[in-house]
Protein backbone atom coordinates (compact mmCIF):
# COMPACT_ATOMS: atom_id res chain seq x y z
CA MET A 1 140.15 103.35 97.96
CA ALA A 2 141.07 103.34 101.59
CA VAL A 3 138.42 104.23 104.12
CA THR A 4 139.15 104.70 107.80
CA ALA A 5 137.07 103.22 110.59
CA GLU A 6 137.14 106.66 112.21
CA ALA A 7 135.40 108.24 109.18
CA VAL A 8 132.71 105.57 109.13
CA ALA A 9 132.16 105.93 112.88
CA ALA A 10 131.94 109.72 112.60
CA VAL A 11 129.35 109.60 109.80
CA ARG A 12 127.28 106.95 111.54
CA ALA A 13 127.33 108.95 114.76
CA GLU A 14 126.13 111.99 112.84
CA LEU A 15 123.26 109.98 111.39
CA GLU A 16 122.30 108.77 114.86
CA ARG A 17 122.34 112.32 116.25
CA GLU A 18 120.33 113.59 113.28
CA GLU A 19 117.80 110.77 112.90
CA ALA A 20 115.06 113.39 113.19
CA PHE A 21 116.39 115.03 110.02
CA LEU A 22 115.85 111.82 108.01
CA LEU A 23 112.31 111.37 109.31
CA ASP A 24 111.39 115.01 108.90
CA LEU A 25 112.76 115.16 105.35
CA THR A 26 110.84 112.05 104.34
CA GLN A 27 107.71 113.51 105.87
CA GLN A 28 108.14 116.85 104.09
CA LEU A 29 108.72 115.18 100.72
CA VAL A 30 105.59 113.04 101.11
CA ARG A 31 103.57 116.15 101.98
CA ILE A 32 104.40 117.75 98.62
CA PRO A 33 102.11 116.04 96.06
CA THR A 34 104.14 115.02 93.02
CA VAL A 35 101.78 112.86 90.99
CA ASN A 36 103.21 112.41 87.51
CA PRO A 37 101.08 114.62 85.21
CA LYS A 38 101.17 111.96 82.49
CA PHE A 39 98.88 109.92 84.75
CA GLU A 40 96.77 112.65 86.35
CA ALA A 41 97.04 116.33 85.42
CA SER A 42 96.01 118.53 88.35
CA ILE A 43 97.11 121.87 89.74
CA ALA A 44 96.67 120.38 93.20
CA LEU A 45 98.79 117.30 92.56
CA ASN A 46 101.60 118.13 90.12
CA HIS A 47 104.20 119.80 92.34
CA GLU A 48 107.50 118.23 91.29
CA ALA A 49 108.98 121.71 90.79
CA ASP A 50 108.03 122.72 94.34
CA LEU A 51 109.58 119.57 95.78
CA GLN A 52 112.80 120.09 93.83
CA HIS A 53 112.95 123.73 94.99
CA TYR A 54 112.56 122.59 98.60
CA LEU A 55 115.14 119.85 98.17
CA ARG A 56 117.57 122.23 96.51
CA MET A 57 117.41 124.51 99.55
CA VAL A 58 118.19 121.51 101.76
CA LEU A 59 121.22 120.56 99.65
CA ASP A 60 122.43 124.15 99.46
CA GLY A 61 122.02 124.38 103.23
CA PHE A 62 124.75 121.85 103.96
CA GLY A 63 127.08 122.88 101.17
CA MET A 64 126.38 120.72 98.12
CA ARG A 65 126.78 122.40 94.74
CA THR A 66 123.38 122.26 93.04
CA GLU A 67 121.91 122.70 89.57
CA SER A 68 118.43 122.19 88.21
CA TYR A 69 116.75 122.29 84.82
CA ASP A 70 113.40 121.32 83.30
CA VAL A 71 113.06 117.96 81.57
CA PHE A 72 109.44 118.78 80.75
CA PRO A 73 107.65 122.03 81.68
CA GLY A 74 107.21 122.06 85.44
CA GLN A 75 109.21 118.84 85.86
CA PRO A 76 112.82 119.69 86.75
CA ASN A 77 115.71 117.38 87.53
CA LEU A 78 117.95 118.31 90.46
CA ILE A 79 121.64 117.48 90.82
CA GLY A 80 123.70 117.90 93.96
CA THR A 81 127.49 117.46 93.83
CA MET A 82 130.32 116.99 96.32
CA PRO A 83 133.63 117.29 94.42
CA GLY A 84 136.09 114.44 93.97
CA ASP A 85 137.77 112.37 91.31
CA ASP A 86 136.09 110.28 88.62
CA ALA A 87 137.71 106.93 89.40
CA ARG A 88 135.52 106.26 92.42
CA SER A 89 132.68 108.65 91.70
CA LEU A 90 129.21 107.62 92.83
CA ILE A 91 125.64 108.64 92.03
CA LEU A 92 122.87 108.21 94.60
CA CYS A 93 119.67 108.32 92.57
CA GLY A 94 116.01 108.64 93.44
CA HIS A 95 112.89 109.77 91.62
CA VAL A 96 110.46 112.39 92.88
CA ASP A 97 107.31 111.54 90.90
CA VAL A 98 104.62 109.25 92.26
CA VAL A 99 101.64 107.37 90.86
CA PRO A 100 98.08 108.61 91.50
CA VAL A 101 96.39 107.96 94.84
CA GLY A 102 93.53 105.97 93.33
CA ASP A 103 90.37 105.57 95.38
CA ARG A 104 90.86 107.79 98.44
CA LYS A 105 88.11 105.92 100.27
CA LYS A 106 90.49 102.96 100.52
CA TRP A 107 93.04 105.05 102.42
CA SER A 108 92.88 105.17 106.22
CA VAL A 109 95.23 108.19 106.26
CA ASP A 110 95.69 111.37 104.25
CA PRO A 111 97.71 110.23 101.19
CA PHE A 112 99.81 113.40 101.44
CA GLY A 113 99.83 113.77 105.23
CA GLY A 114 103.08 111.98 106.01
CA GLU A 115 101.45 110.58 109.13
CA ILE A 116 103.56 108.44 111.46
CA ARG A 117 101.91 105.53 113.24
CA GLY A 118 104.22 103.50 115.39
CA ARG A 119 107.34 102.96 113.26
CA ARG A 120 105.58 103.47 109.94
CA LEU A 121 105.42 106.66 107.89
CA TYR A 122 102.40 106.70 105.58
CA GLY A 123 101.66 108.49 102.33
CA ARG A 124 101.85 108.25 98.57
CA GLY A 125 105.52 107.94 97.71
CA ALA A 126 106.60 107.15 101.28
CA LEU A 127 108.06 103.86 100.06
CA ASP A 128 108.28 104.48 96.32
CA MET A 129 110.52 106.32 96.72
CA LYS A 130 110.74 109.52 98.73
CA SER A 131 112.20 107.75 101.75
CA GLY A 132 115.01 106.39 99.56
CA LEU A 133 115.64 109.88 98.21
CA ALA A 134 115.69 111.26 101.77
CA ALA A 135 118.24 108.58 102.71
CA ASN A 136 120.51 109.74 99.88
CA VAL A 137 120.33 113.31 101.13
CA ALA A 138 120.85 112.30 104.76
CA VAL A 139 124.00 110.39 103.81
CA ALA A 140 125.52 113.33 101.93
CA ARG A 141 124.60 115.70 104.76
CA ALA A 142 126.12 113.43 107.42
CA ILE A 143 129.37 113.13 105.44
CA LYS A 144 129.56 116.92 105.18
CA ARG A 145 128.68 117.58 108.81
CA ALA A 146 131.15 114.95 110.03
CA GLY A 147 133.91 116.80 108.16
CA VAL A 148 134.81 113.79 105.97
CA ALA A 149 136.34 114.61 102.58
CA LEU A 150 135.63 112.01 99.92
CA ARG A 151 138.18 111.02 97.30
CA GLY A 152 135.53 110.17 94.73
CA ARG A 153 132.90 112.62 93.52
CA LEU A 154 129.46 112.12 95.05
CA GLU A 155 126.34 113.19 93.18
CA ILE A 156 122.69 113.08 94.15
CA HIS A 157 120.33 112.75 91.20
CA ALA A 158 116.73 113.62 92.08
CA VAL A 159 114.93 112.84 88.84
CA VAL A 160 111.44 113.21 87.43
CA ASP A 161 109.24 110.92 85.37
CA GLU A 162 110.53 107.53 86.48
CA GLU A 163 107.02 106.15 86.82
CA ALA A 164 106.26 106.96 83.17
CA GLY A 165 109.43 105.59 81.62
CA GLY A 166 112.47 107.12 83.28
CA PHE A 167 112.79 110.09 80.96
CA GLY A 168 114.25 112.20 83.76
CA ALA A 169 117.15 109.81 84.32
CA ARG A 170 117.60 109.37 80.58
CA ASP A 171 117.85 113.13 80.16
CA ILE A 172 120.37 113.57 82.96
CA ILE A 173 122.54 110.84 81.41
CA GLU A 174 122.25 112.33 77.93
CA ARG A 175 123.61 115.58 79.39
CA GLY A 176 126.82 113.74 80.24
CA ARG A 177 126.34 113.21 83.97
CA ARG A 178 128.22 109.96 84.46
CA ALA A 179 130.00 108.24 87.34
CA ALA A 180 131.86 105.04 88.10
CA GLY A 181 128.83 103.58 89.89
CA VAL A 182 125.24 104.26 90.88
CA ILE A 183 123.02 103.19 93.77
CA VAL A 184 119.29 103.58 93.21
CA THR A 185 117.44 103.55 96.53
CA GLU A 186 114.19 102.03 95.29
CA PRO A 187 112.41 99.85 97.86
CA SER A 188 114.29 96.54 98.06
CA TRP A 189 113.39 95.54 101.61
CA GLN A 190 117.11 95.80 102.44
CA ALA A 191 118.00 93.13 99.91
CA LEU A 192 120.87 93.98 97.58
CA MET A 193 119.72 93.89 93.96
CA PRO A 194 122.44 94.07 91.29
CA ALA A 195 120.25 92.76 88.45
CA GLU A 196 116.96 93.50 86.74
CA GLY A 197 115.57 92.44 83.40
CA GLY A 198 115.12 94.73 80.43
CA LEU A 199 111.79 96.02 79.18
CA GLU A 200 110.43 96.90 75.76
CA TRP A 201 107.02 98.21 74.75
CA VAL A 202 106.16 96.93 71.30
CA ARG A 203 103.10 97.42 69.10
CA VAL A 204 101.89 94.91 66.53
CA THR A 205 99.39 96.19 63.96
CA ILE A 206 97.35 93.68 61.99
CA ARG A 207 95.50 94.80 58.87
CA GLY A 208 92.39 93.12 57.50
CA ARG A 209 89.75 94.19 54.98
CA ASN A 210 86.45 95.97 55.71
CA ALA A 211 83.13 94.41 54.81
CA HIS A 212 79.54 94.41 56.05
CA SER A 213 78.90 91.92 58.85
CA ALA A 214 75.77 90.67 57.04
CA TRP A 215 78.13 89.15 54.48
CA ARG A 216 80.33 87.48 57.11
CA TYR A 217 79.31 84.11 55.70
CA ASN A 218 81.06 85.13 52.49
CA GLU A 219 84.28 85.37 54.47
CA ILE A 220 84.15 82.25 56.65
CA PHE A 221 82.33 79.62 54.58
CA PRO A 222 83.35 78.21 51.17
CA GLN A 223 81.67 80.12 48.33
CA ALA A 224 81.51 79.70 44.59
CA ASP A 225 83.97 82.18 43.19
CA THR A 226 81.61 83.72 40.61
CA ALA A 227 81.66 87.14 39.04
CA GLU A 228 78.82 88.20 41.34
CA ARG A 229 80.62 87.23 44.54
CA LEU A 230 81.36 90.20 46.79
CA GLU A 231 84.95 90.61 47.85
CA PRO A 232 85.17 88.85 51.23
CA GLY A 233 86.20 90.75 54.32
CA VAL A 234 89.13 89.83 56.51
CA ASN A 235 88.45 90.23 60.22
CA ALA A 236 91.56 91.75 61.82
CA LEU A 237 90.15 91.20 65.30
CA GLU A 238 89.92 87.44 64.81
CA ILE A 239 93.45 87.31 63.48
CA ALA A 240 94.57 89.32 66.51
CA VAL A 241 92.95 86.80 68.86
CA ARG A 242 94.87 83.99 67.18
CA PHE A 243 98.04 86.07 67.34
CA VAL A 244 97.71 86.73 71.08
CA ALA A 245 97.20 83.01 71.66
CA ALA A 246 100.34 82.31 69.62
CA VAL A 247 102.29 84.87 71.64
CA GLN A 248 101.22 83.07 74.81
CA GLN A 249 102.94 79.97 73.46
CA LEU A 250 106.04 82.02 72.63
CA GLU A 251 105.99 83.36 76.19
CA ARG A 252 105.87 79.84 77.59
CA ASP A 253 108.72 78.85 75.32
CA TRP A 254 110.85 81.76 76.54
CA THR A 255 110.01 81.25 80.21
CA THR A 256 110.50 77.47 80.26
CA ARG A 257 113.29 76.83 77.75
CA LYS A 258 115.57 79.80 78.33
CA ARG A 259 117.91 79.39 81.29
CA ALA A 260 116.59 81.46 84.19
CA HIS A 261 118.78 84.19 85.68
CA PRO A 262 120.11 83.03 89.08
CA LEU A 263 118.91 86.16 90.90
CA LEU A 264 115.39 86.28 89.47
CA PRO A 265 112.38 83.99 89.75
CA PRO A 266 111.88 81.64 86.79
CA GLY A 267 109.44 83.03 84.27
CA VAL A 268 109.96 86.77 84.75
CA ASN A 269 110.66 87.17 81.03
CA THR A 270 107.00 87.60 80.17
CA ILE A 271 105.22 89.00 77.11
CA HIS A 272 102.21 90.82 78.52
CA PRO A 273 99.41 91.83 76.12
CA GLY A 274 98.35 95.07 77.79
CA VAL A 275 96.20 96.92 75.24
CA MET A 276 94.25 95.76 72.20
CA VAL A 277 92.18 98.14 70.08
CA CYS A 278 90.22 96.87 67.09
CA GLY A 279 88.00 98.70 64.65
CA ALA A 280 87.76 100.21 61.22
CA GLY A 281 90.03 102.70 59.48
CA LEU A 282 93.65 103.19 60.55
CA GLY A 283 94.18 106.78 61.67
CA ALA A 284 97.27 108.96 61.66
CA ASN A 285 97.67 108.19 65.38
CA GLY A 286 98.24 104.52 64.56
CA LEU A 287 94.89 103.40 65.99
CA PRO A 288 91.56 102.42 64.41
CA GLN A 289 89.18 105.35 64.12
CA LEU A 290 85.76 103.66 64.25
CA LEU A 291 85.26 101.63 67.41
CA SER A 292 81.51 101.60 67.92
CA ASN A 293 79.97 99.73 64.98
CA PRO A 294 79.94 95.91 65.22
CA ALA A 295 78.18 95.77 61.84
CA ILE A 296 81.54 96.46 60.19
CA ILE A 297 84.11 93.70 59.81
CA PRO A 298 87.15 95.43 61.39
CA ASP A 299 90.20 95.98 59.27
CA VAL A 300 92.59 97.14 62.02
CA ALA A 301 93.80 95.43 65.20
CA VAL A 302 96.48 97.08 67.31
CA ILE A 303 98.06 95.16 70.19
CA ASP A 304 100.54 96.71 72.62
CA PHE A 305 102.82 94.36 74.55
CA ASP A 306 104.93 94.89 77.66
CA LEU A 307 107.88 92.60 76.90
CA LYS A 308 110.33 91.74 79.67
CA PHE A 309 113.63 90.01 79.03
CA LEU A 310 116.45 88.64 81.16
CA PRO A 311 119.39 90.63 82.56
CA ASN A 312 121.85 88.61 80.47
CA GLU A 313 119.95 89.22 77.21
CA THR A 314 120.15 92.24 74.93
CA SER A 315 117.42 94.36 73.49
CA ALA A 316 118.75 93.77 69.98
CA ASP A 317 118.54 89.98 70.37
CA ILE A 318 115.03 90.11 71.82
CA ARG A 319 113.82 92.37 69.03
CA ARG A 320 115.19 89.98 66.43
CA GLU A 321 113.57 86.97 68.13
CA PHE A 322 110.17 88.63 68.40
CA ALA A 323 110.24 89.97 64.83
CA ALA A 324 111.16 86.51 63.55
CA PHE A 325 108.20 85.07 65.47
CA VAL A 326 105.79 87.61 63.92
CA HIS A 327 107.13 86.77 60.46
CA ALA A 328 106.70 83.02 61.10
CA PHE A 329 103.14 83.57 62.31
CA ALA A 330 102.29 85.51 59.14
CA GLN A 331 103.63 82.74 56.92
CA GLN A 332 100.88 80.43 58.19
CA ASP A 333 98.08 82.59 56.74
CA SER A 334 97.60 83.37 53.05
CA TRP A 335 96.26 86.86 53.80
CA LEU A 336 99.07 87.72 56.21
CA ARG A 337 101.72 86.47 53.80
CA GLU A 338 100.63 89.25 51.46
CA HIS A 339 99.77 91.75 54.22
CA PRO A 340 102.27 91.09 57.04
CA PRO A 341 101.72 92.68 60.47
CA SER A 342 103.86 95.67 61.32
CA VAL A 343 106.03 95.76 64.44
CA GLN A 344 106.76 99.09 66.14
CA TRP A 345 109.45 99.28 68.80
CA ASP A 346 110.18 102.18 71.20
CA LEU A 347 106.45 102.62 71.71
CA TYR A 348 105.95 106.02 73.38
CA GLY A 349 109.73 106.18 73.54
CA LEU A 350 109.83 103.67 76.36
CA HIS A 351 112.50 101.05 76.89
CA PHE A 352 114.63 99.93 79.82
CA PRO A 353 118.02 98.28 79.23
CA PRO A 354 118.87 95.32 81.48
CA LEU A 355 120.98 95.67 84.63
CA ASN A 356 123.44 92.86 85.34
CA THR A 357 126.19 94.01 87.71
CA PRO A 358 128.60 91.15 88.58
CA LEU A 359 128.44 89.90 92.15
CA GLY A 360 132.17 90.53 92.51
CA HIS A 361 131.86 94.21 91.59
CA GLY A 362 133.23 96.68 94.13
CA LEU A 363 129.87 98.38 94.60
CA VAL A 364 128.26 95.08 95.55
CA ARG A 365 131.13 94.38 97.94
CA ALA A 366 130.86 97.86 99.48
CA ILE A 367 127.25 97.27 100.55
CA MET A 368 127.94 93.73 101.71
CA ASP A 369 130.92 94.91 103.76
CA ALA A 370 128.87 97.74 105.28
CA ARG A 371 126.17 95.30 106.33
CA ALA A 372 128.69 92.78 107.63
CA ALA A 373 130.22 95.49 109.83
CA ARG A 374 126.78 95.82 111.45
CA GLY A 375 126.55 92.06 111.91
CA GLU A 376 124.03 91.64 109.09
CA ASP A 377 123.98 89.03 106.36
CA THR A 378 123.06 90.25 102.88
CA GLU A 379 120.28 88.79 100.79
CA ILE A 380 121.16 89.18 97.12
CA ARG A 381 118.41 88.91 94.53
CA GLY A 382 117.16 90.57 91.39
CA PHE A 383 114.65 93.39 90.98
CA THR A 384 111.54 91.98 89.31
CA ALA A 385 110.28 95.35 88.09
CA VAL A 386 112.31 98.02 86.28
CA CYS A 387 113.74 101.30 87.54
CA ASP A 388 116.18 104.05 86.63
CA ALA A 389 119.21 101.85 87.34
CA ALA A 390 118.51 100.43 83.88
CA HIS A 391 119.24 103.70 82.12
CA TYR A 392 122.59 104.13 83.85
CA ALA A 393 123.45 100.52 83.00
CA GLY A 394 122.52 101.24 79.40
CA VAL A 395 125.48 103.63 79.11
CA GLY A 396 127.88 101.35 80.95
CA ILE A 397 127.50 102.61 84.53
CA PRO A 398 127.37 99.63 86.91
CA GLY A 399 124.70 99.92 89.54
CA VAL A 400 122.76 98.28 92.33
CA ILE A 401 119.34 98.78 93.88
CA TYR A 402 119.23 99.04 97.65
CA GLY A 403 116.47 100.63 99.69
CA PRO A 404 114.06 100.27 102.61
CA GLY A 405 110.98 98.13 103.06
CA GLY A 406 107.32 98.77 103.72
CA ASP A 407 104.10 98.09 101.88
CA GLY A 408 101.28 99.58 99.82
CA PHE A 409 103.38 101.07 97.05
CA HIS A 410 101.14 101.88 94.06
CA GLY A 411 98.23 101.03 96.36
CA PRO A 412 96.34 102.44 99.37
CA ASP A 413 97.99 103.12 102.74
CA GLU A 414 101.51 103.10 101.33
CA TYR A 415 104.11 103.27 104.08
CA VAL A 416 107.83 102.96 104.73
CA ASP A 417 109.11 101.07 107.74
CA LEU A 418 111.17 103.60 109.68
CA ASP A 419 113.49 101.05 111.28
CA SER A 420 114.26 99.72 107.81
CA LEU A 421 114.84 103.24 106.52
CA LYS A 422 117.25 104.02 109.37
CA ALA A 423 119.21 100.79 108.79
CA VAL A 424 119.40 101.39 105.03
CA THR A 425 120.71 104.91 105.57
CA GLN A 426 123.45 103.67 107.89
CA THR A 427 124.49 100.99 105.40
CA LEU A 428 124.32 103.42 102.50
CA ALA A 429 126.61 105.85 104.32
CA ALA A 430 129.25 103.21 105.05
CA ALA A 431 129.04 101.85 101.49
CA THR A 432 129.46 105.35 100.07
CA LEU A 433 132.61 105.84 102.13
CA GLY A 434 133.85 102.41 101.16
CA TRP A 435 133.32 103.03 97.45
CA CYS A 436 134.43 106.68 97.25
CA GLY A 437 137.25 106.48 99.81
CA VAL A 438 138.33 109.33 102.07
CA ARG A 439 141.17 111.81 101.89
């Protein structure tokens, strides 16, 4: 779609005049505590609804059409819309939830103060990612105030629950909110990121057989198989230790023998053993029930893995590969051949599809062109973590990740670099015009 230099200049001039709006909005969003209640439930900290109410008033104030609804009680999504056609429609997406503060003694500022020191704005969520969300809003506002009419529809998606699995974005997509492209303004340090690997959480449950630890010798040393011999136990914990070691070898096979993605560091396709619980008696919750008696040979071992795969792989292929590995491991043990481990996918409902937008895609070009117009080269690389761009990609919406820089995200003294935020907002505005076109 055509975009005039006059429209870009008008929107950029509006952003320059209203730089205080961008900083103030970021500050106000940081000052509203929105810790995800799945991590820390607190009346003082769980204010996603208040933030969305405040943000809705801002969007209403400059003429966006808004709607909001609860994904979970007290956790609403917010959508702002500027009308236009579908062919060049664009979503600017950001999440409103943040991780807990952690040890406040390690902070030199109020985590929810939004304090500015020099050209840094501090606070939980300042970088991840309330500044990116504020940039999205500032762009839409500047387009409106400059009197520019877009050809393509522009939507702002302010979503909840990204930090706990992206269920806000998944819900908004399931409700049919689609577009021709999406930009997620997660912190990227002004690098353009059109790719990220996929993620699966998978649980492997290994079953053994209970016995008294005093008769452990009956399990691990050769015994005469007489009528008086007690039935030997099978220690699920020991099998689990061997299994984790075997998975480490699988991980090394994946990371060294699979061809690395050109935009990501070699070895990002890891299989991380994050949780292991061993004990006696499998409960209805899928976990062992007795965890405090080492005199019992444990009959249950549950291992939860965080499994990352490459942008050019599919979840279905990875699931088949991992399941085949578990089966092969079981075939090496006479007990496991008769009592194979179980594999549970979609653990806690969490999975992230891969993002792999081609470098020649128009959305990639729009950001590169916007940066080039400012005399800036563009660093293109992949996103090593996962974010909501994955869920849009999972339904066929091409996307990129592009946001400001800073430091301390998920740690103490989180901050966004304000010069970076300003530059990202200017680029984002020009890219939006370039993608959507003007009438």
